[in-house]
């Protein structure tokens, strides 16, 4: 946005689209809240079929999670000889988890406006 007056509004809106810690759909449903840099967003599980199986996570403004994608960061350990030459590389445990939730609308608290 090239409008300087809108920059604080855009920054506040964007702050609700980053969750402070990796949260799966199951955790969003279990704890009922997503903690973001902008503040907490209430989440609920809404049943979407008659047999009671499965549910959709819905944020407080009615936006639903469509799909979730989980990525595991891979750490690589490099081994060098005394001259600094690379001898071998191997994957090691300890990478960070990133979870991206695709939603069907703009996520924001009702009080943002």
Foldseek 3Di string as FASTA:
>chain_A
DPDPVCVVLVVLLVQQQDFPADDDPVRCAVVQWTQTSNGIWGWHWADDDDVRPDTWIATPVGKTFDDKDKDWDWDKDFDADPVRHTDDIDTDDDTGMDMHTDIDDRDDDPPSD
